Structures are given as structure tokens and as C-alpha cells.
Amino acid sequence: MVDAIKTALIQNGFDVKATSPSFAETLELLKKHSPDILILGSELSGMSNLKALENLSVNPSTKVILYTRNTDLEETLTAIKKGVMGYLNTETDLDELLTCVKAVINGSKFLCHITRNALFLMENQQPVKPIKNSKLSDQENRVMSLLAEGKTNDEIADILNIASNTVNNHRANIRKKLDLKGGKSILLQYAISQKNYYG
């Protein structure tokens, strides 16, 4: 896949400075080069994309595109908040990747169609069940409101002046009280679906 992407980029007039199979090598390459774009592959050296972003020393002028198999929408929103300019699922084809690179080069953000569709469905889905405010404490309602605005755990912790672990505890309690079953994105999806009530 790396070779296919490299070939497609070169054929479309882009200068590929280097490719790297590991996080350590990527760090070294970033010291030597200041690329216009860094395409960060999925789970570099077993490290999550968000963790890699936190630990990479990227020049402010370098625009980052995440190319990931991860479909977690909460991670997607967090990555965008951290300044990622492009977000591609590994199921997208090379044409969409090239469209993304061209958009990002021109200063635009780009989400692949898979991510856009998932976000659209998340924002427009019907409530999982009727809202019952009485089941949640005032602080839990505040957490829900902030989740509906797309705030991350750390941002919620800062706004409410509480620890991130406390936010996690609130989220676990909310899921339990509202009987929300599913992956870790289910609460975010539910909060956004209820933003007219909470927002």
C-alpha cells in the first residue's frame, strides 16, 4: 500500500521525500526534512494515531493527514481538534487520497466519504430513547452538554475544573443510567443526537 501511494503521488507531480515503517525513523526523518504534508499511517509502531501526534515534533508549516483503519468517531473529532487537516480511512481509494492531498495542500480540511457519512448519520440519527433528565445529576448533564458540543475529555475536565478521570467516571455513570450499550463512541453519538435538549 505504501508503494502504491508513493507511486500515485509521484505520478501526480508530488515529490515524496521519504517513507518510514517506524515511529523512531519518522522522528529522524522529520528532523532532516520539513515536508509540506505528513501522511501518518495507521498505528505507527503499535502506537495510536493520537498518541503519535502528541509525540511527533512536526514543523507548524507541515500539514498532517491521518490514514487509518480506525473508525472511532470520537478519535476522529479529537484528531481534527488537534489540527489534523485530512482524515482518510484505509478503505478509501487512491483517487480520494489524491483529492485529499490536493485539498490539504491548498489549505482546506478534508474528510473521506466514509468519515463524512458516519458523522452525518451520527448527527442526524433519532434519539436512542426518550431523554430522562431526572436520571442524571447536574454535573452529568453538564458533561452531556459539553460532549454534544464535541468537547474532548481533557477540554471537559478543564471547563468543569475536574480531573480527566472524573470525566471518565461521569461518562461511565451516564452510560449505565441511560442503559447505553455499544462501543466507546456510543455516548458521544447519543449526546449529539440529543443536542437540541442539552445544547
Protein backbone atom coordinates (compact mmCIF):
# COMPACT_ATOMS: atom_id res chain seq x y z
CA MET A 1 0.00 0.00 0.00
CA VAL A 2 2.84 2.41 0.82
CA ASP A 3 4.42 1.76 -2.58
CA ALA A 4 1.08 2.28 -4.33
CA ILE A 5 0.51 5.59 -2.54
CA LYS A 6 4.07 6.72 -3.27
CA THR A 7 3.72 5.86 -6.96
CA ALA A 8 0.36 7.63 -7.24
CA LEU A 9 1.73 10.77 -5.60
CA ILE A 10 4.81 10.87 -7.83
CA GLN A 11 2.70 10.29 -10.95
CA ASN A 12 0.58 13.28 -9.96
CA GLY A 13 3.54 15.61 -9.59
CA PHE A 14 4.26 15.35 -5.88
CA ASP A 15 7.78 14.98 -4.51
CA VAL A 16 7.84 12.15 -1.98
CA LYS A 17 10.74 12.91 0.37
CA ALA A 18 10.71 9.61 2.26
CA THR A 19 8.64 6.77 3.68
CA SER A 20 9.08 5.21 7.08
CA PRO A 21 7.99 1.93 8.70
CA SER A 22 8.55 3.03 12.29
CA PHE A 23 7.90 5.87 14.70
CA ALA A 24 11.61 6.28 15.56
CA GLU A 25 12.57 6.57 11.90
CA THR A 26 9.76 9.04 11.30
CA LEU A 27 11.16 11.25 14.07
CA GLU A 28 14.59 11.20 12.44
CA LEU A 29 13.19 11.97 9.00
CA LEU A 30 11.22 14.93 10.34
CA LYS A 31 14.48 16.36 11.69
CA LYS A 32 16.01 16.17 8.20
CA HIS A 33 13.01 17.31 6.20
CA SER A 34 10.24 19.86 6.65
CA PRO A 35 7.59 18.34 4.40
CA ASP A 36 4.52 20.27 3.29
CA ILE A 37 2.45 17.19 4.16
CA LEU A 38 2.94 14.27 6.51
CA ILE A 39 0.73 11.25 5.84
CA LEU A 40 0.63 9.36 9.11
CA GLY A 41 -0.22 5.70 8.66
CA SER A 42 -2.35 3.59 10.93
CA GLU A 43 -0.94 2.56 14.30
CA LEU A 44 2.66 3.53 13.69
CA SER A 45 4.88 1.11 15.64
CA GLY A 46 1.84 -0.10 17.55
CA MET A 47 1.11 3.45 18.70
CA SER A 48 -2.33 5.00 18.22
CA ASN A 49 -2.54 7.92 15.81
CA LEU A 50 -3.45 10.35 18.58
CA LYS A 51 -0.51 9.20 20.70
CA ALA A 52 1.81 9.50 17.71
CA LEU A 53 0.55 13.03 17.06
CA GLU A 54 1.31 14.01 20.64
CA ASN A 55 4.86 12.67 20.40
CA LEU A 56 5.84 13.84 16.92
CA SER A 57 7.83 17.05 16.54
CA VAL A 58 6.12 18.39 13.45
CA ASN A 59 7.01 21.76 11.93
CA PRO A 60 4.00 24.12 12.24
CA SER A 61 4.01 24.52 8.44
CA THR A 62 3.63 20.75 7.93
CA LYS A 63 0.02 19.68 7.38
CA VAL A 64 -0.91 16.26 8.76
CA ILE A 65 -3.14 13.69 7.07
CA LEU A 66 -4.18 10.63 9.06
CA TYR A 67 -4.56 7.43 7.05
CA THR A 68 -6.14 4.98 9.44
CA ARG A 69 -8.27 1.88 9.74
CA ASN A 70 -9.73 3.34 12.94
CA THR A 71 -13.44 4.14 12.60
CA ASP A 72 -13.92 5.56 16.10
CA LEU A 73 -15.73 8.87 15.59
CA GLU A 74 -14.62 10.29 18.91
CA GLU A 75 -10.99 9.83 17.88
CA THR A 76 -11.79 11.44 14.53
CA LEU A 77 -13.20 14.56 16.21
CA THR A 78 -10.27 14.70 18.63
CA ALA A 79 -7.78 14.45 15.76
CA ILE A 80 -9.49 17.30 13.93
CA LYS A 81 -9.39 19.42 17.09
CA LYS A 82 -5.66 18.71 17.34
CA GLY A 83 -5.14 20.27 13.92
CA VAL A 84 -5.19 17.29 11.57
CA MET A 85 -6.06 18.61 8.10
CA GLY A 86 -7.00 15.35 6.39
CA TYR A 87 -8.65 12.19 7.68
CA LEU A 88 -8.72 9.10 5.47
CA ASN A 89 -9.98 5.60 6.15
CA THR A 90 -7.77 2.83 4.73
CA GLU A 91 -10.80 1.62 2.74
CA THR A 92 -10.76 4.79 0.63
CA ASP A 93 -9.23 4.52 -2.83
CA LEU A 94 -6.16 6.28 -4.24
CA ASP A 95 -8.26 8.83 -6.14
CA GLU A 96 -9.79 10.06 -2.88
CA LEU A 97 -6.35 10.12 -1.25
CA LEU A 98 -5.05 12.32 -4.07
CA THR A 99 -8.08 14.59 -3.74
CA CYS A 100 -7.34 14.87 -0.03
CA VAL A 101 -3.67 15.74 -0.59
CA LYS A 102 -4.58 18.42 -3.15
CA ALA A 103 -7.20 19.92 -0.81
CA VAL A 104 -4.83 19.97 2.16
CA ILE A 105 -2.02 21.50 0.08
CA ASN A 106 -4.44 24.32 -0.75
CA GLY A 107 -5.23 24.87 2.93
CA SER A 108 -8.58 23.05 3.12
CA LYS A 109 -9.55 20.32 5.54
CA PHE A 110 -10.69 17.02 4.07
CA LEU A 111 -12.65 14.07 5.45
CA CYS A 112 -13.03 10.92 3.38
CA HIS A 113 -16.55 9.94 2.33
CA ILE A 114 -16.65 7.10 4.88
CA THR A 115 -15.99 9.51 7.76
CA ARG A 116 -18.35 12.18 6.39
CA ASN A 117 -21.15 9.65 6.07
CA ALA A 118 -20.56 8.35 9.61
CA LEU A 119 -20.60 11.88 11.04
CA PHE A 120 -23.75 12.74 9.08
CA LEU A 121 -25.56 9.67 10.37
CA MET A 122 -24.37 10.39 13.90
CA GLU A 123 -25.64 13.98 13.80
CA ASN A 124 -28.98 13.10 12.24
CA GLN A 125 -29.92 9.88 13.98
CA GLN A 126 -33.04 9.71 16.12
CA PRO A 127 -32.55 9.61 19.89
CA VAL A 128 -31.71 6.16 21.20
CA LYS A 129 -34.52 6.51 23.71
CA PRO A 130 -36.54 9.41 25.20
CA ILE A 131 -34.41 11.65 27.35
CA LYS A 132 -34.94 11.42 31.10
CA ASN A 133 -33.15 14.31 32.80
CA SER A 134 -34.11 13.07 36.21
CA LYS A 135 -31.81 10.10 35.79
CA LEU A 136 -28.72 12.32 35.56
CA SER A 137 -27.12 14.61 38.10
CA ASP A 138 -26.49 18.29 37.27
CA GLN A 139 -22.80 17.55 36.66
CA GLU A 140 -23.66 14.61 34.39
CA ASN A 141 -25.98 16.87 32.39
CA ARG A 142 -23.12 19.36 32.04
CA VAL A 143 -20.85 16.60 30.77
CA MET A 144 -23.52 15.57 28.25
CA SER A 145 -23.92 19.16 27.06
CA LEU A 146 -20.20 19.53 26.51
CA LEU A 147 -20.00 16.17 24.72
CA ALA A 148 -22.78 17.36 22.41
CA GLU A 149 -20.58 20.35 21.53
CA GLY A 150 -17.79 17.96 20.53
CA LYS A 151 -15.55 18.66 23.53
CA THR A 152 -12.86 16.13 24.38
CA ASN A 153 -12.40 14.61 27.85
CA ASP A 154 -9.50 16.97 28.60
CA GLU A 155 -11.48 20.01 27.47
CA ILE A 156 -14.46 18.97 29.61
CA ALA A 157 -12.14 18.49 32.58
CA ASP A 158 -10.70 22.00 32.10
CA ILE A 159 -14.12 23.63 31.69
CA LEU A 160 -15.63 21.90 34.72
CA ASN A 161 -12.39 22.14 36.73
CA ILE A 162 -12.29 18.42 37.42
CA ALA A 163 -9.82 15.62 36.65
CA SER A 164 -9.99 13.70 33.36
CA ASN A 165 -10.54 10.50 35.35
CA THR A 166 -13.60 12.14 36.93
CA VAL A 167 -14.95 12.86 33.43
CA ASN A 168 -14.45 9.19 32.58
CA ASN A 169 -16.34 8.22 35.73
CA HIS A 170 -19.20 10.55 34.82
CA ARG A 171 -19.34 9.09 31.34
CA ALA A 172 -19.45 5.55 32.71
CA ASN A 173 -22.24 6.53 35.10
CA ILE A 174 -24.23 8.20 32.32
CA ARG A 175 -23.95 5.14 30.09
CA LYS A 176 -25.14 2.97 32.96
CA LYS A 177 -28.03 5.25 33.92
CA LEU A 178 -29.22 5.62 30.31
CA ASP A 179 -28.59 1.94 29.56
CA LEU A 180 -26.40 2.76 26.56
CA LYS A 181 -24.82 -0.34 25.09
CA GLY A 182 -22.13 -0.38 22.40
CA GLY A 183 -18.61 0.84 21.69
CA LYS A 184 -16.94 3.75 23.40
CA SER A 185 -18.40 6.19 20.82
CA ILE A 186 -21.99 5.40 21.78
CA LEU A 187 -22.19 8.14 24.41
CA LEU A 188 -20.82 10.76 22.02
CA GLN A 189 -23.35 9.68 19.38
CA TYR A 190 -26.15 9.83 21.91
CA ALA A 191 -25.10 13.25 23.22
CA ILE A 192 -25.00 14.73 19.70
CA SER A 193 -28.37 13.19 18.86
CA GLN A 194 -29.75 14.94 21.96
CA LYS A 195 -28.03 18.32 21.49
CA ASN A 196 -31.34 20.12 21.00
CA TYR A 197 -32.19 19.07 24.54
CA TYR A 198 -28.78 19.54 26.09
CA GLY A 199 -27.22 22.28 23.96
